[in-house]
Amino acid sequence: MFDLDLDFIPGGGSSSSTPEPEVTSTSTHAPSVKNTPKTAPKIANDTSLEAYLTSVSAIICLSHLRWDFVYQRPQHLLSRFAKHTRLFFFEEPYFYDNAQPRLEMEEREDGRVTKVIAHLPNGLTPEESDAKQIELLNAFMADHDLSKTVFWYYTPMALEITRQFTPALTVFDVMDELSAFKFAPPRLLELESELLQKADVVFTGGQSLYEAKKDRHKEVYAFPSSIDKVHFAQARQIQADPADQANIPHPRMGFFGVVDERFDIELLRELSAARPEWQFVIIGPVVKIDAAVLPNAENIHYLGGKSYQELPSYLAGWDVAMLLFALNDSTKYISPTKTPEYLAAGKPVVSTSIRDVVRPYGDLNLVQIADGAKDFEAALEKALAQKDDAKWRHRADEYLAGISWDKTWQNMVRLMQMVSTEKKTKRDSAAK
């Protein structure tokens, strides 16, 4: 049986016993009535959630991200669903010469997740590509009962190949403002509007995204970045450095994540030049930008991408963790998962003024906020002293105690069950 937060407040993403800080008396951001998220009614019998999950024969996820790229929000949530029902994770297709149109399936998460990828020949127009994918997907769905299937969208672009289906429930988990990203498809905003019309329930990956979407759908709920505390707390005990980090001197300022148009290249360049005795460790794949534009210096160490399982061992050897995000359109709505992950590892954190980091983490003095090289350097100096601050670490741990991916997932399931029940009631009433 689930251990659920019965007083969970949708829009805040946590239980009322540990509420979203911006609606508590300790916050400097008291929301207006218009921006205060609505409260979901309590469900009297939580065992109904188990019955609901049993009634779902499959979840079909349509994603712009690849399962094996970076382990983040989709994997955390969907791997939990996969313990209760079949989970099919549809990725964007592979194109290559002489490919025969087909769906390739690979198992992940010990066989609980099936990754599905269309193989298509090069040279297709967008319309031809969509037509081939529709044909493949129609054949795939012929083996599934749509009345018991949930469609879970991360990208509105998937509507081009799925709008012909009417599943039992349509979920739109808005992880990012994709239209602000580099190389965003021209039709993305149009398709997002269509998906918001089609969706039964909308989740957002942070408070800023919630505020941007809340007036566009009647069922919008914020679920900010969460945390696997046990996993990242390993960094507090791990002693041995990974081989490629072992010879890097201290103090070490670390960052892990995707290095793309959101990464503040110039800030890193200026910091490394200002403090040559500090070492800057950058972990993560470089995508959508030319790696040649990244600053090169003796005290900057690009270690490449690492698996989710490896991250605590690298974090353990850092003195300070950084959120090196540029302030631009692509970062306006982000809610970095690495914020609570850094804190769970016991590391002081310095971030640029990303809104969903400032509130709650900056407002609660759990993370230091600074913009510009001089202020960021000063904040790093302060953070180096903070690593031995037991009171700060205790406050961070108290805050993290109220959030987890398990709680986030369970509360999402509760809302899905509630919306599904409402749909059935309306359908039954209409049939009378």
Protein backbone atom coordinates (compact mmCIF):
# COMPACT_ATOMS: atom_id res chain seq x y z
CA MET A 1 0.00 0.00 0.00
CA PHE A 2 1.23 3.51 -0.83
CA ASP A 3 2.45 5.88 1.87
CA LEU A 4 0.73 8.94 0.46
CA ASP A 5 0.71 12.60 1.38
CA LEU A 6 -3.02 12.99 1.94
CA ASP A 7 -2.72 16.75 2.40
CA PHE A 8 -0.62 17.23 -0.72
CA ILE A 9 -1.15 20.62 -2.35
CA PRO A 10 -1.05 20.41 -6.17
CA GLY A 11 0.87 23.30 -7.60
CA GLY A 12 3.37 23.08 -4.77
CA GLY A 13 4.67 19.60 -5.35
CA SER A 14 4.98 18.50 -1.73
CA SER A 15 2.93 17.59 1.32
CA SER A 16 1.38 20.13 3.62
CA SER A 17 3.55 18.89 6.47
CA THR A 18 6.55 20.15 4.48
CA PRO A 19 4.94 22.72 2.17
CA GLU A 20 6.51 24.50 -0.76
CA PRO A 21 8.56 27.19 0.99
CA GLU A 22 7.11 30.08 -0.97
CA VAL A 23 3.76 29.64 0.75
CA THR A 24 5.15 29.47 4.28
CA SER A 25 5.82 32.30 6.68
CA THR A 26 9.57 31.85 6.24
CA SER A 27 9.41 32.90 2.58
CA THR A 28 9.70 36.41 1.22
CA HIS A 29 7.47 35.39 -1.71
CA ALA A 30 3.84 35.25 -0.56
CA PRO A 31 1.83 34.26 -3.63
CA SER A 32 -1.14 36.26 -4.82
CA VAL A 33 -4.57 34.66 -4.73
CA LYS A 34 -4.37 34.20 -8.49
CA ASN A 35 -1.06 32.33 -8.27
CA THR A 36 -1.91 30.19 -5.26
CA PRO A 37 -2.23 26.58 -6.49
CA LYS A 38 -5.56 24.88 -5.88
CA THR A 39 -5.89 22.06 -3.39
CA ALA A 40 -6.94 18.62 -4.56
CA PRO A 41 -9.69 16.88 -2.59
CA LYS A 42 -8.55 14.07 -0.36
CA ILE A 43 -9.11 10.51 -1.50
CA ALA A 44 -10.61 8.54 1.36
CA ASN A 45 -9.29 5.12 0.43
CA ASP A 46 -5.71 5.08 -0.82
CA THR A 47 -5.91 1.42 -1.77
CA SER A 48 -7.96 2.69 -4.71
CA LEU A 49 -4.67 3.88 -6.19
CA GLU A 50 -3.39 0.34 -6.31
CA ALA A 51 -6.61 -0.67 -8.02
CA TYR A 52 -6.21 2.21 -10.46
CA LEU A 53 -2.68 1.19 -11.43
CA THR A 54 -3.85 -2.39 -11.85
CA SER A 55 -6.50 -1.14 -14.27
CA VAL A 56 -3.87 0.53 -16.49
CA SER A 57 -2.67 -2.05 -19.00
CA ALA A 58 0.16 0.11 -20.37
CA ILE A 59 1.70 3.57 -20.33
CA ILE A 60 2.91 4.87 -23.69
CA CYS A 61 5.47 7.65 -23.20
CA LEU A 62 6.31 9.94 -26.13
CA SER A 63 9.64 11.65 -25.47
CA HIS A 64 12.09 14.02 -27.14
CA LEU A 65 14.80 12.66 -24.83
CA ARG A 66 16.51 9.30 -25.15
CA TRP A 67 16.29 6.92 -22.22
CA ASP A 68 20.04 6.30 -22.23
CA PHE A 69 21.07 9.97 -22.52
CA VAL A 70 20.95 11.50 -19.03
CA TYR A 71 19.04 9.90 -16.13
CA GLN A 72 16.60 12.59 -15.04
CA ARG A 73 12.92 13.35 -14.45
CA PRO A 74 11.39 10.97 -17.06
CA GLN A 75 13.43 7.99 -15.89
CA HIS A 76 12.78 8.68 -12.20
CA LEU A 77 9.01 8.84 -12.69
CA LEU A 78 8.47 6.25 -15.40
CA SER A 79 10.66 3.59 -13.77
CA ARG A 80 8.26 3.77 -10.81
CA PHE A 81 5.24 3.28 -13.06
CA ALA A 82 7.03 0.34 -14.68
CA LYS A 83 6.93 -1.57 -11.39
CA HIS A 84 3.13 -1.69 -11.69
CA THR A 85 2.30 -1.78 -15.40
CA ARG A 86 3.90 -2.13 -18.82
CA LEU A 87 5.89 0.94 -19.83
CA PHE A 88 6.75 1.71 -23.45
CA PHE A 89 9.14 4.62 -23.97
CA PHE A 90 8.95 5.93 -27.55
CA GLU A 91 12.02 7.88 -28.63
CA GLU A 92 12.48 10.01 -31.73
CA PRO A 93 13.37 7.91 -34.80
CA TYR A 94 16.74 6.96 -36.21
CA PHE A 95 17.30 7.84 -39.89
CA TYR A 96 19.91 6.13 -42.05
CA ASP A 97 20.43 4.96 -45.63
CA ASN A 98 18.47 1.93 -46.83
CA ALA A 99 16.65 1.51 -43.52
CA GLN A 100 13.56 -0.66 -43.65
CA PRO A 101 10.76 1.01 -41.65
CA ARG A 102 10.41 -0.88 -38.39
CA LEU A 103 10.14 -0.49 -34.63
CA GLU A 104 13.12 -1.65 -32.58
CA MET A 105 12.45 -2.59 -28.96
CA GLU A 106 15.05 -2.79 -26.22
CA GLU A 107 14.52 -3.58 -22.55
CA ARG A 108 15.68 -1.33 -19.73
CA GLU A 109 15.26 -1.30 -15.92
CA ASP A 110 15.63 -5.09 -15.68
CA GLY A 111 13.04 -5.63 -18.38
CA ARG A 112 10.34 -3.41 -16.86
CA VAL A 113 10.77 -0.62 -19.43
CA THR A 114 10.63 -1.20 -23.18
CA LYS A 115 12.42 1.43 -25.24
CA VAL A 116 10.84 1.77 -28.70
CA ILE A 117 12.63 3.43 -31.63
CA ALA A 118 11.44 3.76 -35.23
CA HIS A 119 14.06 3.07 -37.90
CA LEU A 120 13.42 5.06 -41.08
CA PRO A 121 15.32 5.70 -44.33
CA ASN A 122 17.09 8.99 -44.99
CA GLY A 123 15.53 11.37 -47.45
CA LEU A 124 11.95 11.36 -46.19
CA THR A 125 10.03 14.62 -46.02
CA PRO A 126 8.54 15.45 -42.60
CA GLU A 127 5.13 14.40 -43.92
CA GLU A 128 6.50 11.08 -45.21
CA SER A 129 8.31 10.47 -41.93
CA ASP A 130 5.12 11.10 -39.96
CA ALA A 131 3.13 8.81 -42.27
CA LYS A 132 5.62 5.96 -41.79
CA GLN A 133 5.60 6.42 -38.02
CA ILE A 134 1.79 6.51 -37.92
CA GLU A 135 1.70 3.25 -39.85
CA LEU A 136 4.16 1.63 -37.43
CA LEU A 137 2.39 3.01 -34.36
CA ASN A 138 -1.04 1.95 -35.58
CA ALA A 139 0.23 -1.60 -35.97
CA PHE A 140 1.81 -1.46 -32.51
CA MET A 141 -1.35 -0.13 -30.85
CA ALA A 142 -3.49 -2.82 -32.48
CA ASP A 143 -2.19 -5.11 -29.74
CA HIS A 144 -3.18 -2.72 -26.92
CA ASP A 145 -6.52 -1.85 -25.35
CA LEU A 146 -6.77 1.93 -25.68
CA SER A 147 -9.50 2.02 -23.03
CA LYS A 148 -6.88 0.91 -20.48
CA THR A 149 -3.85 2.77 -21.86
CA VAL A 150 -2.31 6.04 -20.65
CA PHE A 151 -0.46 8.31 -23.09
CA TRP A 152 2.26 10.32 -21.34
CA TYR A 153 3.76 13.17 -23.38
CA TYR A 154 7.06 15.00 -22.93
CA THR A 155 6.98 16.56 -26.40
CA PRO A 156 4.02 18.09 -28.23
CA MET A 157 5.70 17.11 -31.51
CA ALA A 158 4.53 13.54 -30.90
CA LEU A 159 0.97 14.65 -31.62
CA GLU A 160 1.84 14.50 -35.31
CA ILE A 161 1.84 10.70 -35.06
CA THR A 162 -0.59 10.05 -32.17
CA ARG A 163 -3.57 12.40 -32.53
CA GLN A 164 -5.63 9.55 -34.05
CA PHE A 165 -5.72 7.76 -30.68
CA THR A 166 -8.09 8.35 -27.77
CA PRO A 167 -6.47 6.68 -24.75
CA ALA A 168 -8.04 6.27 -21.33
CA LEU A 169 -5.98 9.19 -20.03
CA THR A 170 -3.65 11.74 -21.61
CA VAL A 171 -0.93 13.24 -19.40
CA PHE A 172 1.32 16.13 -20.45
CA ASP A 173 4.37 16.38 -18.17
CA VAL A 174 5.85 19.77 -19.09
CA MET A 175 9.48 19.29 -18.22
CA ASP A 176 10.88 22.35 -20.03
CA GLU A 177 9.77 25.28 -22.16
CA LEU A 178 10.94 23.49 -25.29
CA SER A 179 10.05 26.35 -27.61
CA ALA A 180 12.85 28.42 -26.02
CA PHE A 181 15.51 25.80 -26.76
CA LYS A 182 17.97 25.89 -29.61
CA PHE A 183 16.70 24.25 -32.84
CA ALA A 184 13.10 24.11 -31.57
CA PRO A 185 10.74 22.98 -34.38
CA PRO A 186 8.66 25.83 -35.87
CA ARG A 187 5.34 24.07 -35.15
CA LEU A 188 6.09 23.31 -31.51
CA LEU A 189 3.99 26.11 -30.00
CA GLU A 190 1.02 25.28 -32.24
CA LEU A 191 1.23 21.61 -31.27
CA GLU A 192 1.61 22.49 -27.59
CA SER A 193 -1.70 24.36 -27.74
CA GLU A 194 -3.31 21.31 -29.33
CA LEU A 195 -1.85 19.01 -26.68
CA LEU A 196 -3.09 21.27 -23.88
CA GLN A 197 -6.57 20.90 -25.39
CA LYS A 198 -6.23 17.12 -25.59
CA ALA A 199 -4.60 16.46 -22.20
CA ASP A 200 -6.67 15.35 -19.22
CA VAL A 201 -4.09 16.51 -16.70
CA VAL A 202 -0.94 18.63 -16.96
CA PHE A 203 2.09 18.41 -14.68
CA THR A 204 4.91 20.96 -14.71
CA GLY A 205 8.52 20.48 -13.74
CA GLY A 206 8.68 23.60 -11.61
CA GLN A 207 6.84 26.57 -10.17
CA SER A 208 7.81 28.93 -13.01
CA LEU A 209 6.43 26.51 -15.59
CA TYR A 210 3.28 26.15 -13.49
CA GLU A 211 2.77 29.91 -13.53
CA ALA A 212 3.25 29.93 -17.31
CA LYS A 213 0.73 27.12 -17.97
CA LYS A 214 -1.84 27.37 -15.17
CA ASP A 215 -4.29 29.53 -17.15
CA ARG A 216 -4.13 27.30 -20.22
CA HIS A 217 -5.69 24.16 -18.70
CA LYS A 218 -8.08 23.49 -15.83
CA GLU A 219 -5.96 20.70 -14.33
CA VAL A 220 -2.37 21.97 -14.01
CA TYR A 221 -0.19 20.89 -11.08
CA ALA A 222 3.42 21.78 -10.25
CA PHE A 223 5.86 19.03 -9.36
CA PRO A 224 9.30 20.66 -8.99
CA SER A 225 12.56 18.76 -9.20
CA SER A 226 12.76 16.02 -6.61
CA ILE A 227 15.49 13.84 -5.17
CA ASP A 228 16.73 10.32 -4.52
CA LYS A 229 18.33 11.24 -1.21
CA VAL A 230 19.81 7.84 -0.42
CA HIS A 231 21.61 7.73 -3.76
CA PHE A 232 23.25 11.16 -3.50
CA ALA A 233 23.88 10.96 0.25
CA GLN A 234 26.45 8.29 -0.63
CA ALA A 235 28.73 11.20 -1.50
CA ARG A 236 29.03 11.95 2.21
CA GLN A 237 30.73 8.60 2.85
CA ILE A 238 32.61 7.81 -0.37
CA GLN A 239 36.34 8.37 0.08
CA ALA A 240 38.04 7.10 -3.08
CA ASP A 241 38.17 9.50 -6.03
CA PRO A 242 37.38 8.19 -9.53
CA ALA A 243 40.57 7.74 -11.54
CA ASP A 244 40.01 10.71 -13.86
CA GLN A 245 39.38 13.07 -10.93
CA ALA A 246 41.94 11.74 -8.44
CA ASN A 247 44.85 13.91 -9.59
CA ILE A 248 42.93 17.18 -9.73
CA PRO A 249 44.05 19.45 -6.87
CA HIS A 250 41.74 21.12 -4.36
CA PRO A 251 39.73 23.25 -3.99
CA ARG A 252 37.39 21.79 -6.59
CA MET A 253 34.32 23.59 -7.90
CA GLY A 254 32.09 21.09 -9.69
CA PHE A 255 29.18 21.02 -12.13
CA PHE A 256 27.35 18.06 -13.62
CA GLY A 257 24.68 18.22 -16.28
CA VAL A 258 24.18 18.75 -19.98
CA VAL A 259 26.50 21.40 -21.40
CA ASP A 260 24.40 23.23 -23.97
CA GLU A 261 23.04 26.72 -24.71
CA ARG A 262 21.95 27.00 -21.07
CA PHE A 263 25.52 26.70 -19.76
CA ASP A 264 27.23 30.02 -18.93
CA ILE A 265 30.45 29.64 -20.89
CA GLU A 266 31.70 33.17 -20.24
CA LEU A 267 31.12 32.91 -16.50
CA LEU A 268 33.28 29.78 -16.38
CA ARG A 269 35.95 31.49 -18.48
CA GLU A 270 36.10 34.53 -16.20
CA LEU A 271 36.09 32.50 -12.98
CA SER A 272 38.90 30.24 -14.11
CA ALA A 273 41.01 33.24 -15.12
CA ALA A 274 40.33 35.12 -11.88
CA ARG A 275 41.19 32.17 -9.63
CA PRO A 276 43.82 29.96 -11.29
CA GLU A 277 44.36 28.10 -8.00
CA TRP A 278 40.76 26.86 -8.05
CA GLN A 279 39.93 23.77 -10.10
CA PHE A 280 36.71 23.63 -12.13
CA VAL A 281 35.38 20.12 -12.79
CA ILE A 282 32.73 19.88 -15.53
CA ILE A 283 30.87 16.59 -15.96
CA GLY A 284 28.34 15.99 -18.72
CA PRO A 285 27.84 15.68 -22.48
CA VAL A 286 28.26 18.68 -24.77
CA VAL A 287 25.23 19.03 -27.05
CA LYS A 288 23.80 21.64 -29.46
CA ILE A 289 26.90 23.83 -29.09
CA ASP A 290 30.37 23.54 -30.57
CA ALA A 291 32.76 22.12 -27.96
CA ALA A 292 35.44 24.38 -29.44
CA VAL A 293 33.75 27.44 -27.89
CA LEU A 294 34.24 26.09 -24.36
CA PRO A 295 37.05 27.78 -22.42
CA ASN A 296 40.31 25.88 -22.14
CA ALA A 297 42.57 26.44 -19.15
CA GLU A 298 44.81 24.34 -16.93
CA ASN A 299 42.30 24.62 -14.10
CA ILE A 300 39.23 23.56 -16.14
CA HIS A 301 38.68 19.81 -16.38
CA TYR A 302 36.06 18.39 -18.76
CA LEU A 303 35.49 14.80 -17.70
CA GLY A 304 32.66 13.98 -20.11
CA GLY A 305 29.38 12.28 -19.35
CA LYS A 306 29.04 9.92 -16.40
CA SER A 307 26.33 7.45 -15.48
CA TYR A 308 23.78 8.26 -12.80
CA GLN A 309 25.34 5.58 -10.61
CA GLU A 310 28.77 7.24 -10.83
CA LEU A 311 27.72 10.77 -9.88
CA PRO A 312 27.98 10.42 -6.06
CA SER A 313 31.60 9.29 -6.31
CA TYR A 314 32.50 12.45 -8.25
CA LEU A 315 30.46 14.73 -6.00
CA ALA A 316 32.22 13.31 -2.96
CA GLY A 317 35.49 14.86 -4.09
CA TRP A 318 34.18 18.37 -4.70
CA ASP A 319 34.43 21.27 -2.29
CA VAL A 320 31.60 23.32 -3.81
CA ALA A 321 28.90 22.48 -6.37
CA MET A 322 27.86 25.02 -9.00
CA LEU A 323 24.80 25.79 -11.10
CA LEU A 324 26.46 27.57 -14.01
CA PHE A 325 23.37 28.60 -15.94
CA ALA A 326 23.24 31.58 -18.26
CA LEU A 327 20.26 33.88 -17.86
CA ASN A 328 18.46 33.61 -21.19
CA ASP A 329 15.19 32.42 -22.71
CA SER A 330 16.20 28.76 -22.47
CA THR A 331 16.73 28.98 -18.69
CA LYS A 332 13.73 31.14 -17.80
CA TYR A 333 11.58 28.19 -16.71
CA ILE A 334 14.08 25.52 -15.69
CA SER A 335 13.94 23.79 -12.31
CA PRO A 336 17.33 22.08 -12.06
CA THR A 337 17.16 18.61 -10.54
CA LYS A 338 20.79 18.95 -9.57
CA THR A 339 19.93 21.56 -6.90
CA PRO A 340 18.53 19.08 -4.34
CA GLU A 341 20.99 16.43 -5.55
CA TYR A 342 23.96 18.66 -4.70
CA LEU A 343 22.47 19.41 -1.28
CA ALA A 344 21.78 15.74 -0.57
CA ALA A 345 25.46 15.11 -1.24
CA GLY A 346 26.24 17.61 1.51
CA LYS A 347 27.86 20.14 -0.81
CA PRO A 348 27.55 23.93 -0.55
CA VAL A 349 25.92 25.26 -3.72
CA VAL A 350 26.34 28.49 -5.66
CA SER A 351 23.89 29.29 -8.47
CA THR A 352 23.10 32.05 -10.88
CA SER A 353 19.68 33.60 -10.28
CA ILE A 354 17.49 30.93 -11.87
CA ARG A 355 13.96 31.63 -10.60
CA ASP A 356 13.20 28.10 -9.42
CA VAL A 357 16.51 28.01 -7.55
CA VAL A 358 16.10 31.45 -5.97
CA ARG A 359 12.72 30.29 -4.68
CA PRO A 360 12.84 28.26 -2.55
CA TYR A 361 16.55 27.48 -2.14
CA GLY A 362 17.96 31.00 -2.22
CA ASP A 363 15.17 32.45 -0.11
CA LEU A 364 15.82 29.82 2.56
CA ASN A 365 19.58 30.47 2.46
CA LEU A 366 20.25 26.89 1.43
CA VAL A 367 21.92 27.93 -1.84
CA GLN A 368 23.94 31.07 -2.50
CA ILE A 369 22.75 33.13 -5.46
CA ALA A 370 25.14 35.28 -7.49
CA ASP A 371 25.34 36.73 -11.00
CA GLY A 372 28.45 37.98 -12.75
CA ALA A 373 31.98 36.71 -12.26
CA LYS A 374 32.91 38.96 -9.31
CA ASP A 375 29.83 38.16 -7.24
CA PHE A 376 29.97 34.48 -8.17
CA GLU A 377 33.63 34.33 -7.12
CA ALA A 378 32.75 35.93 -3.77
CA ALA A 379 29.93 33.43 -3.29
CA LEU A 380 32.29 30.54 -4.02
CA GLU A 381 34.67 31.90 -1.36
CA LYS A 382 31.81 31.95 1.12
CA ALA A 383 30.72 28.45 0.09
CA LEU A 384 34.20 27.07 0.73
CA ALA A 385 33.79 28.09 4.37
CA GLN A 386 30.20 26.82 4.46
CA LYS A 387 31.15 23.19 3.87
CA ASP A 388 31.97 22.86 7.57
CA ASP A 389 28.76 24.61 8.71
CA ALA A 390 26.77 21.92 10.55
CA LYS A 391 23.76 24.21 11.08
CA TRP A 392 23.46 24.93 7.34
CA ARG A 393 23.70 21.23 6.52
CA HIS A 394 21.04 20.41 9.12
CA ARG A 395 18.66 22.99 7.63
CA ALA A 396 19.27 21.61 4.14
CA ASP A 397 18.60 18.07 5.35
CA GLU A 398 15.39 19.20 7.05
CA TYR A 399 14.16 20.72 3.80
CA LEU A 400 15.11 17.67 1.73
CA ALA A 401 13.27 15.38 4.16
CA GLY A 402 10.01 16.68 2.72
CA ILE A 403 10.66 15.77 -0.92
CA SER A 404 11.39 12.58 -2.84
CA TRP A 405 10.70 11.06 -6.24
CA ASP A 406 8.53 8.47 -4.50
CA LYS A 407 6.27 11.19 -3.05
CA THR A 408 6.18 13.06 -6.35
CA TRP A 409 5.22 9.92 -8.26
CA GLN A 410 2.61 8.82 -5.72
CA ASN A 411 0.94 12.23 -5.78
CA MET A 412 0.90 12.19 -9.58
CA VAL A 413 -0.82 8.79 -9.49
CA ARG A 414 -3.40 10.14 -7.07
CA LEU A 415 -4.24 13.00 -9.41
CA MET A 416 -4.40 10.66 -12.40
CA GLN A 417 -6.82 8.43 -10.49
CA MET A 418 -8.94 11.42 -9.52
CA VAL A 419 -9.13 12.75 -13.10
CA SER A 420 -9.85 9.26 -14.45
CA THR A 421 -12.72 8.85 -11.98
CA GLU A 422 -14.16 12.22 -13.00
CA LYS A 423 -13.93 11.26 -16.70
CA LYS A 424 -15.73 7.98 -16.06
CA THR A 425 -18.47 9.70 -14.05
CA LYS A 426 -19.09 12.20 -16.85
CA ARG A 427 -19.03 9.44 -19.46
CA ASP A 428 -21.49 7.32 -17.49
CA SER A 429 -23.80 10.29 -16.95
CA ALA A 430 -23.78 11.12 -20.65
CA ALA A 431 -24.68 7.52 -21.50
CA LYS A 432 -27.84 7.60 -19.36
